[in-house]
């Protein structure tokens, strides 16, 4: 009986550790910070999407306040078990401003020069309703002085 209980506990423990190994958010954050470049760290975002009963993984949406006269970088690192790369999009209300997908290719980062201080939406999703995980970082790359850069 003891052997059976021990075996069951061992199997359950291995199952949980395997699930965590697929998406180690701390390791993803470390990679995302390394890819951030010379910018100043502002915030990071966790993306963890699972299929629902309809077969779609949905989206994760975050609100971010961005300041005018600032250049930002958004970069993302995908989990190693992802079948697809995460789609990252920045919106002003319903208007798509920038995305990490261009000409059919997914990139790991995009830049954005903010011209108006307000709340923007950062949206993450996986193509075809796939599930997966990722970690993204928002960093400040440059602040422009009044009159500089068309401001």
N, C-alpha and C. Protein backbone atom coordinates (compact mmCIF):
# COMPACT_ATOMS: atom_id res chain seq x y z
N UNK A 1 0.83 -1.19 0.00
CA UNK A 1 0.00 0.00 0.00
C UNK A 1 0.87 1.26 0.00
N UNK A 2 1.95 1.24 0.81
CA UNK A 2 2.85 2.39 0.85
C UNK A 2 3.49 2.64 -0.51
N UNK A 3 3.88 1.54 -1.16
CA UNK A 3 4.50 1.67 -2.48
C UNK A 3 3.52 2.30 -3.47
N UNK A 4 2.26 1.91 -3.42
CA UNK A 4 1.25 2.44 -4.33
C UNK A 4 1.06 3.94 -4.10
N UNK A 5 0.94 4.35 -2.86
CA UNK A 5 0.77 5.77 -2.53
C UNK A 5 2.00 6.55 -2.96
N UNK A 6 3.19 6.03 -2.67
CA UNK A 6 4.43 6.70 -3.06
C UNK A 6 4.51 6.84 -4.58
N UNK A 7 4.16 5.79 -5.30
CA UNK A 7 4.20 5.82 -6.76
C UNK A 7 3.22 6.85 -7.31
N UNK A 8 2.01 6.89 -6.75
CA UNK A 8 1.03 7.88 -7.20
C UNK A 8 1.51 9.30 -6.93
N UNK A 9 2.05 9.54 -5.76
CA UNK A 9 2.58 10.87 -5.44
C UNK A 9 3.73 11.25 -6.37
N UNK A 10 4.58 10.31 -6.67
CA UNK A 10 5.70 10.55 -7.57
C UNK A 10 5.20 10.90 -8.97
N UNK A 11 4.23 10.16 -9.48
CA UNK A 11 3.68 10.44 -10.81
C UNK A 11 3.00 11.80 -10.87
N UNK A 12 2.25 12.14 -9.84
CA UNK A 12 1.59 13.45 -9.79
C UNK A 12 2.64 14.55 -9.75
N UNK A 13 3.67 14.38 -8.94
CA UNK A 13 4.74 15.37 -8.84
C UNK A 13 5.47 15.56 -10.15
N UNK A 14 5.76 14.48 -10.85
CA UNK A 14 6.44 14.56 -12.15
C UNK A 14 5.53 15.25 -13.16
N UNK A 15 4.24 14.98 -13.12
CA UNK A 15 3.29 15.63 -14.02
C UNK A 15 3.26 17.13 -13.82
N UNK A 16 3.24 17.58 -12.58
CA UNK A 16 3.22 19.01 -12.31
C UNK A 16 4.53 19.68 -12.69
N UNK A 17 5.64 19.02 -12.43
CA UNK A 17 6.93 19.63 -12.77
C UNK A 17 7.09 19.71 -14.28
N UNK A 18 6.54 18.76 -15.02
CA UNK A 18 6.60 18.81 -16.48
C UNK A 18 5.79 19.96 -17.04
N UNK A 19 4.64 20.24 -16.42
CA UNK A 19 3.82 21.35 -16.87
C UNK A 19 4.52 22.67 -16.63
N UNK A 20 5.18 22.83 -15.49
CA UNK A 20 5.90 24.06 -15.21
C UNK A 20 7.13 24.22 -16.08
N UNK A 21 7.76 23.12 -16.47
CA UNK A 21 8.97 23.19 -17.28
C UNK A 21 8.65 23.74 -18.67
N UNK A 22 7.43 23.50 -19.14
CA UNK A 22 7.05 23.99 -20.46
C UNK A 22 6.98 25.51 -20.49
N UNK A 23 6.65 26.12 -19.38
CA UNK A 23 6.55 27.57 -19.35
C UNK A 23 7.15 28.11 -18.07
N UNK A 24 8.42 28.26 -18.06
CA UNK A 24 9.13 28.82 -16.92
C UNK A 24 9.14 30.34 -17.09
N UNK A 25 8.16 31.00 -16.47
CA UNK A 25 8.01 32.44 -16.66
C UNK A 25 9.22 33.23 -16.18
N UNK A 26 9.91 32.74 -15.18
CA UNK A 26 11.11 33.46 -14.70
C UNK A 26 12.22 33.41 -15.74
N UNK A 27 12.42 32.26 -16.36
CA UNK A 27 13.44 32.14 -17.41
C UNK A 27 13.05 32.98 -18.63
N UNK A 28 11.76 32.99 -18.97
CA UNK A 28 11.30 33.82 -20.09
C UNK A 28 11.53 35.29 -19.80
N UNK A 29 11.26 35.72 -18.55
CA UNK A 29 11.50 37.11 -18.18
C UNK A 29 12.98 37.45 -18.29
N UNK A 30 13.83 36.57 -17.84
CA UNK A 30 15.27 36.80 -17.92
C UNK A 30 15.70 37.01 -19.38
N UNK A 31 15.19 36.16 -20.28
CA UNK A 31 15.50 36.30 -21.70
C UNK A 31 14.95 37.61 -22.27
N UNK A 32 13.71 37.94 -21.89
CA UNK A 32 13.09 39.18 -22.39
C UNK A 32 13.87 40.41 -21.92
N UNK A 33 14.33 40.40 -20.67
CA UNK A 33 15.11 41.52 -20.15
C UNK A 33 16.44 41.63 -20.89
N UNK A 34 17.05 40.49 -21.21
CA UNK A 34 18.32 40.51 -21.95
C UNK A 34 18.13 41.06 -23.35
N UNK A 35 16.96 40.82 -23.96
CA UNK A 35 16.67 41.30 -25.31
C UNK A 35 16.14 42.74 -25.33
N UNK A 36 15.92 43.29 -24.15
CA UNK A 36 15.37 44.64 -24.04
C UNK A 36 16.33 45.69 -24.60
N UNK A 37 17.61 45.42 -24.53
CA UNK A 37 18.59 46.39 -25.02
C UNK A 37 18.93 47.40 -23.95
N UNK A 38 19.27 48.61 -24.40
CA UNK A 38 19.72 49.66 -23.49
C UNK A 38 18.58 50.45 -22.86
N UNK A 39 17.37 50.08 -23.13
CA UNK A 39 16.23 50.83 -22.62
C UNK A 39 16.06 50.68 -21.12
N UNK A 40 15.19 51.51 -20.59
CA UNK A 40 14.86 51.49 -19.16
C UNK A 40 13.61 50.64 -18.96
N UNK A 41 13.74 49.60 -18.15
CA UNK A 41 12.63 48.70 -17.87
C UNK A 41 11.46 49.48 -17.27
N UNK A 42 10.26 49.19 -17.78
CA UNK A 42 9.05 49.80 -17.23
C UNK A 42 8.14 48.75 -16.62
N UNK A 43 7.83 47.71 -17.40
CA UNK A 43 6.86 46.72 -16.94
C UNK A 43 7.02 45.44 -17.75
N UNK A 44 6.62 44.31 -17.14
CA UNK A 44 6.60 43.06 -17.89
C UNK A 44 5.19 42.47 -17.83
N UNK A 45 4.93 41.58 -18.77
CA UNK A 45 3.59 41.02 -18.95
C UNK A 45 3.69 39.50 -19.09
N UNK A 46 2.80 38.79 -18.40
CA UNK A 46 2.72 37.34 -18.50
C UNK A 46 1.61 36.97 -19.47
N UNK A 47 1.94 36.08 -20.40
CA UNK A 47 0.96 35.57 -21.35
C UNK A 47 0.86 34.07 -21.12
N UNK A 48 -0.33 33.62 -20.77
CA UNK A 48 -0.58 32.20 -20.51
C UNK A 48 -1.97 31.89 -21.06
N UNK A 49 -2.03 31.34 -22.26
CA UNK A 49 -3.31 31.08 -22.91
C UNK A 49 -3.52 29.58 -23.10
N UNK A 50 -4.67 29.11 -22.64
CA UNK A 50 -5.07 27.71 -22.78
C UNK A 50 -6.33 27.64 -23.63
N UNK A 51 -6.49 26.53 -24.34
CA UNK A 51 -7.70 26.34 -25.15
C UNK A 51 -8.91 26.23 -24.25
N UNK A 52 -10.00 26.89 -24.65
CA UNK A 52 -11.25 26.71 -23.94
C UNK A 52 -12.05 25.59 -24.62
N UNK A 53 -13.25 25.39 -24.21
CA UNK A 53 -14.05 24.28 -24.75
C UNK A 53 -14.37 24.46 -26.23
N UNK A 54 -14.35 25.70 -26.71
CA UNK A 54 -14.62 25.95 -28.12
C UNK A 54 -13.39 25.78 -29.00
N UNK A 55 -12.24 25.47 -28.40
CA UNK A 55 -11.03 25.25 -29.18
C UNK A 55 -10.24 26.51 -29.47
N UNK A 56 -10.62 27.62 -28.85
CA UNK A 56 -9.89 28.86 -29.05
C UNK A 56 -9.23 29.28 -27.76
N UNK A 57 -8.02 29.83 -27.89
CA UNK A 57 -7.28 30.23 -26.69
C UNK A 57 -7.61 31.64 -26.25
N UNK A 58 -8.22 32.43 -27.11
CA UNK A 58 -8.58 33.79 -26.73
C UNK A 58 -7.41 34.75 -26.74
N UNK A 59 -7.54 35.78 -25.93
CA UNK A 59 -6.52 36.82 -25.86
C UNK A 59 -6.26 37.22 -24.41
N UNK A 60 -5.14 37.86 -24.21
CA UNK A 60 -4.82 38.50 -22.94
C UNK A 60 -4.63 39.97 -23.25
N UNK A 61 -5.30 40.82 -22.48
CA UNK A 61 -5.26 42.26 -22.74
C UNK A 61 -4.76 42.99 -21.49
N UNK A 62 -3.79 43.88 -21.69
CA UNK A 62 -3.26 44.70 -20.61
C UNK A 62 -3.41 46.18 -20.98
N UNK A 63 -3.67 47.00 -19.98
CA UNK A 63 -3.70 48.44 -20.18
C UNK A 63 -2.35 49.02 -19.77
N UNK A 64 -1.83 49.92 -20.61
CA UNK A 64 -0.55 50.56 -20.31
C UNK A 64 -0.68 52.06 -20.54
N UNK A 65 -0.11 52.83 -19.63
CA UNK A 65 -0.07 54.28 -19.79
C UNK A 65 1.26 54.63 -20.43
N UNK A 66 1.17 55.29 -21.61
CA UNK A 66 2.37 55.71 -22.32
C UNK A 66 2.38 57.22 -22.39
N UNK A 67 3.56 57.81 -22.26
CA UNK A 67 3.72 59.26 -22.23
C UNK A 67 4.14 59.80 -23.59
N UNK A 68 3.62 60.97 -23.92
CA UNK A 68 3.99 61.60 -25.19
C UNK A 68 5.48 61.94 -25.18
N UNK A 69 6.01 62.13 -26.37
CA UNK A 69 7.43 62.45 -26.59
C UNK A 69 8.35 61.35 -26.05
N UNK A 70 7.88 60.11 -26.16
CA UNK A 70 8.67 58.97 -25.69
C UNK A 70 8.69 57.87 -26.74
N UNK A 71 9.85 57.23 -26.86
CA UNK A 71 9.98 56.08 -27.75
C UNK A 71 10.07 54.84 -26.89
N UNK A 72 9.19 53.87 -27.17
CA UNK A 72 9.10 52.64 -26.39
C UNK A 72 9.47 51.43 -27.24
N UNK A 73 9.88 50.38 -26.56
CA UNK A 73 10.11 49.09 -27.20
C UNK A 73 9.32 48.04 -26.44
N UNK A 74 8.62 47.21 -27.19
CA UNK A 74 7.90 46.07 -26.65
C UNK A 74 8.57 44.83 -27.22
N UNK A 75 9.09 43.97 -26.38
CA UNK A 75 9.66 42.72 -26.87
C UNK A 75 9.08 41.55 -26.12
N UNK A 76 9.05 40.41 -26.81
CA UNK A 76 8.39 39.22 -26.27
C UNK A 76 9.25 37.99 -26.51
N UNK A 77 9.23 37.08 -25.53
CA UNK A 77 9.93 35.80 -25.63
C UNK A 77 8.88 34.70 -25.50
N UNK A 78 8.87 33.79 -26.45
CA UNK A 78 7.90 32.69 -26.48
C UNK A 78 8.37 31.50 -25.66
N UNK A 79 7.41 30.79 -25.08
CA UNK A 79 7.71 29.55 -24.38
C UNK A 79 8.23 28.51 -25.35
N UNK A 80 9.11 27.64 -24.88
CA UNK A 80 9.74 26.65 -25.76
C UNK A 80 8.74 25.63 -26.30
N UNK A 81 7.63 25.41 -25.62
CA UNK A 81 6.65 24.42 -26.06
C UNK A 81 5.59 25.01 -26.99
N UNK A 82 5.64 26.30 -27.26
CA UNK A 82 4.65 26.93 -28.13
C UNK A 82 4.74 26.37 -29.54
N UNK A 83 3.58 26.06 -30.12
CA UNK A 83 3.57 25.61 -31.51
C UNK A 83 3.61 26.81 -32.47
N UNK A 84 3.20 27.96 -32.00
CA UNK A 84 3.22 29.20 -32.78
C UNK A 84 3.80 30.32 -31.93
N UNK A 85 4.26 31.38 -32.59
CA UNK A 85 4.75 32.56 -31.86
C UNK A 85 3.56 33.44 -31.49
N UNK A 86 3.68 34.10 -30.36
CA UNK A 86 2.59 34.94 -29.86
C UNK A 86 2.46 36.20 -30.73
N UNK A 87 1.23 36.62 -30.95
CA UNK A 87 0.92 37.85 -31.68
C UNK A 87 0.72 38.96 -30.66
N UNK A 88 1.51 40.03 -30.77
CA UNK A 88 1.48 41.16 -29.83
C UNK A 88 1.04 42.40 -30.60
N UNK A 89 0.00 43.09 -30.09
CA UNK A 89 -0.56 44.24 -30.77
C UNK A 89 -0.79 45.38 -29.78
N UNK A 90 -0.54 46.62 -30.23
CA UNK A 90 -0.79 47.80 -29.42
C UNK A 90 -1.95 48.58 -30.04
N UNK A 91 -2.97 48.87 -29.21
CA UNK A 91 -4.17 49.56 -29.68
C UNK A 91 -4.36 50.88 -28.94
N UNK A 92 -4.94 51.83 -29.67
CA UNK A 92 -5.49 53.05 -29.09
C UNK A 92 -6.99 52.94 -29.29
N UNK A 93 -7.70 52.52 -28.26
CA UNK A 93 -9.13 52.22 -28.40
C UNK A 93 -9.28 51.02 -29.31
N UNK A 94 -10.02 51.19 -30.41
CA UNK A 94 -10.21 50.10 -31.38
C UNK A 94 -9.21 50.16 -32.53
N UNK A 95 -8.35 51.17 -32.53
CA UNK A 95 -7.42 51.38 -33.64
C UNK A 95 -6.09 50.67 -33.37
N UNK A 96 -5.73 49.75 -34.26
CA UNK A 96 -4.45 49.06 -34.17
C UNK A 96 -3.35 50.03 -34.56
N UNK A 97 -2.36 50.21 -33.67
CA UNK A 97 -1.26 51.12 -33.93
C UNK A 97 -0.03 50.41 -34.49
N UNK A 98 0.31 49.29 -33.87
CA UNK A 98 1.51 48.56 -34.28
C UNK A 98 1.39 47.11 -33.81
N UNK A 99 2.09 46.23 -34.50
CA UNK A 99 2.03 44.80 -34.21
C UNK A 99 3.40 44.18 -34.46
N UNK A 100 3.62 43.01 -33.87
CA UNK A 100 4.87 42.31 -34.13
C UNK A 100 4.76 41.39 -35.35
N UNK A 101 3.64 41.48 -36.07
CA UNK A 101 3.47 40.72 -37.30
C UNK A 101 3.44 41.68 -38.47
N UNK A 102 4.37 41.48 -39.40
CA UNK A 102 4.42 42.32 -40.59
C UNK A 102 4.77 41.46 -41.79
N UNK A 103 4.02 41.62 -42.87
CA UNK A 103 4.24 40.89 -44.12
C UNK A 103 4.32 39.38 -43.88
N UNK A 104 3.43 38.88 -43.02
CA UNK A 104 3.34 37.46 -42.76
C UNK A 104 4.41 36.89 -41.83
N UNK A 105 5.26 37.72 -41.30
CA UNK A 105 6.33 37.25 -40.42
C UNK A 105 6.14 37.81 -39.02
N UNK A 106 6.38 36.96 -38.00
CA UNK A 106 6.29 37.38 -36.61
C UNK A 106 7.68 37.81 -36.13
N UNK A 107 7.74 38.97 -35.53
CA UNK A 107 8.98 39.48 -34.97
C UNK A 107 8.92 39.42 -33.44
N UNK A 108 10.06 39.48 -32.82
CA UNK A 108 10.10 39.38 -31.36
C UNK A 108 9.92 40.74 -30.69
N UNK A 109 9.89 41.82 -31.46
CA UNK A 109 9.78 43.16 -30.85
C UNK A 109 9.19 44.15 -31.85
N UNK A 110 8.70 45.25 -31.31
CA UNK A 110 8.35 46.41 -32.13
C UNK A 110 8.58 47.67 -31.31
N UNK A 111 8.79 48.77 -32.02
CA UNK A 111 8.97 50.07 -31.39
C UNK A 111 7.74 50.92 -31.58
N UNK A 112 7.59 51.90 -30.71
CA UNK A 112 6.44 52.81 -30.81
C UNK A 112 6.84 54.18 -30.28
N UNK A 113 6.65 55.22 -31.09
CA UNK A 113 6.88 56.59 -30.65
C UNK A 113 5.52 57.16 -30.27
N UNK A 114 5.38 57.49 -29.00
CA UNK A 114 4.10 57.96 -28.47
C UNK A 114 3.98 59.47 -28.65
N UNK A 115 2.88 59.89 -29.23
CA UNK A 115 2.64 61.32 -29.46
C UNK A 115 1.57 61.90 -28.55
N UNK A 116 0.89 61.02 -27.79
CA UNK A 116 -0.18 61.47 -26.92
C UNK A 116 -0.21 60.63 -25.64
N UNK A 117 -0.11 61.28 -24.48
CA UNK A 117 -0.16 60.57 -23.21
C UNK A 117 -1.58 60.07 -22.97
N UNK A 118 -1.71 58.76 -22.81
CA UNK A 118 -3.02 58.16 -22.51
C UNK A 118 -2.85 56.68 -22.24
N UNK A 119 -3.96 56.03 -21.99
CA UNK A 119 -3.97 54.59 -21.75
C UNK A 119 -4.13 53.87 -23.09
N UNK A 120 -3.25 52.94 -23.36
CA UNK A 120 -3.28 52.12 -24.56
C UNK A 120 -3.55 50.67 -24.14
N UNK A 121 -3.90 49.83 -25.09
CA UNK A 121 -4.14 48.41 -24.82
C UNK A 121 -3.08 47.58 -25.53
N UNK A 122 -2.49 46.67 -24.77
CA UNK A 122 -1.54 45.72 -25.31
C UNK A 122 -2.22 44.35 -25.31
N UNK A 123 -2.36 43.75 -26.50
CA UNK A 123 -3.14 42.52 -26.65
C UNK A 123 -2.23 41.41 -27.18
N UNK A 124 -2.34 40.24 -26.54
CA UNK A 124 -1.58 39.06 -26.94
C UNK A 124 -2.55 37.95 -27.33
N UNK A 125 -2.20 37.21 -28.39
CA UNK A 125 -3.00 36.07 -28.82
C UNK A 125 -2.10 35.12 -29.61
N UNK A 126 -2.60 33.90 -29.79
CA UNK A 126 -1.89 32.92 -30.61
C UNK A 126 -2.72 32.64 -31.85
N UNK A 127 -2.06 32.51 -33.01
CA UNK A 127 -2.80 32.21 -34.24
C UNK A 127 -3.54 30.88 -34.14
N UNK A 128 -4.65 30.79 -34.87
CA UNK A 128 -5.40 29.55 -34.96
C UNK A 128 -5.94 29.06 -33.63
N UNK A 129 -5.99 29.89 -32.61
CA UNK A 129 -6.50 29.47 -31.31
C UNK A 129 -5.57 28.54 -30.56
N UNK A 130 -4.31 28.48 -30.98
CA UNK A 130 -3.35 27.62 -30.27
C UNK A 130 -3.14 28.13 -28.86
N UNK A 131 -2.64 27.27 -28.01
CA UNK A 131 -2.33 27.69 -26.65
C UNK A 131 -0.83 27.84 -26.51
N UNK A 132 -0.43 28.58 -25.50
CA UNK A 132 0.99 28.77 -25.27
C UNK A 132 1.24 29.81 -24.20
N UNK A 133 2.51 30.09 -23.99
CA UNK A 133 2.88 31.08 -22.99
C UNK A 133 4.03 31.93 -23.51
N UNK A 134 4.17 33.09 -22.92
CA UNK A 134 5.21 34.02 -23.32
C UNK A 134 5.41 35.03 -22.20
N UNK A 135 6.45 35.81 -22.32
CA UNK A 135 6.69 36.91 -21.38
C UNK A 135 7.15 38.10 -22.20
N UNK A 136 6.58 39.25 -21.95
CA UNK A 136 6.91 40.46 -22.70
C UNK A 136 7.40 41.54 -21.76
N UNK A 137 8.19 42.46 -22.32
CA UNK A 137 8.74 43.57 -21.55
C UNK A 137 8.49 44.87 -22.31
N UNK A 138 8.08 45.88 -21.57
CA UNK A 138 7.94 47.24 -22.08
C UNK A 138 9.11 48.04 -21.54
N UNK A 139 9.83 48.73 -22.43
CA UNK A 139 10.96 49.55 -21.99
C UNK A 139 10.93 50.91 -22.68
N UNK A 140 11.45 51.91 -21.98
CA UNK A 140 11.58 53.25 -22.52
C UNK A 140 12.94 53.34 -23.21
N UNK A 141 12.94 53.68 -24.48
CA UNK A 141 14.17 53.76 -25.24
C UNK A 141 14.72 55.18 -25.32
N UNK A 142 13.81 56.16 -25.43
CA UNK A 142 14.26 57.55 -25.58
C UNK A 142 13.12 58.50 -25.23
N UNK A 143 13.47 59.62 -24.60
CA UNK A 143 12.51 60.70 -24.39
C UNK A 143 12.98 61.88 -25.21
N UNK A 144 12.04 62.48 -25.93
CA UNK A 144 12.36 63.61 -26.80
C UNK A 144 12.08 64.92 -26.06
N UNK A 145 12.95 65.90 -26.26
CA UNK A 145 12.74 67.25 -25.71
C UNK A 145 11.72 67.97 -26.59
N UNK A 146 11.11 69.02 -26.05
CA UNK A 146 10.15 69.81 -26.82
C UNK A 146 10.86 70.34 -28.07
N UNK A 147 10.22 70.18 -29.23
CA UNK A 147 10.81 70.62 -30.47
C UNK A 147 11.69 69.57 -31.13
N UNK A 148 12.08 68.56 -30.41
CA UNK A 148 12.93 67.50 -30.97
C UNK A 148 12.06 66.39 -31.57
N UNK A 149 12.45 65.90 -32.71
CA UNK A 149 11.76 64.77 -33.33
C UNK A 149 10.34 65.11 -33.78
N UNK A 150 10.06 66.34 -34.07
CA UNK A 150 8.74 66.74 -34.55
C UNK A 150 7.71 66.97 -33.47
N UNK A 151 8.17 67.08 -32.21
CA UNK A 151 7.24 67.32 -31.10
C UNK A 151 7.16 68.78 -30.76
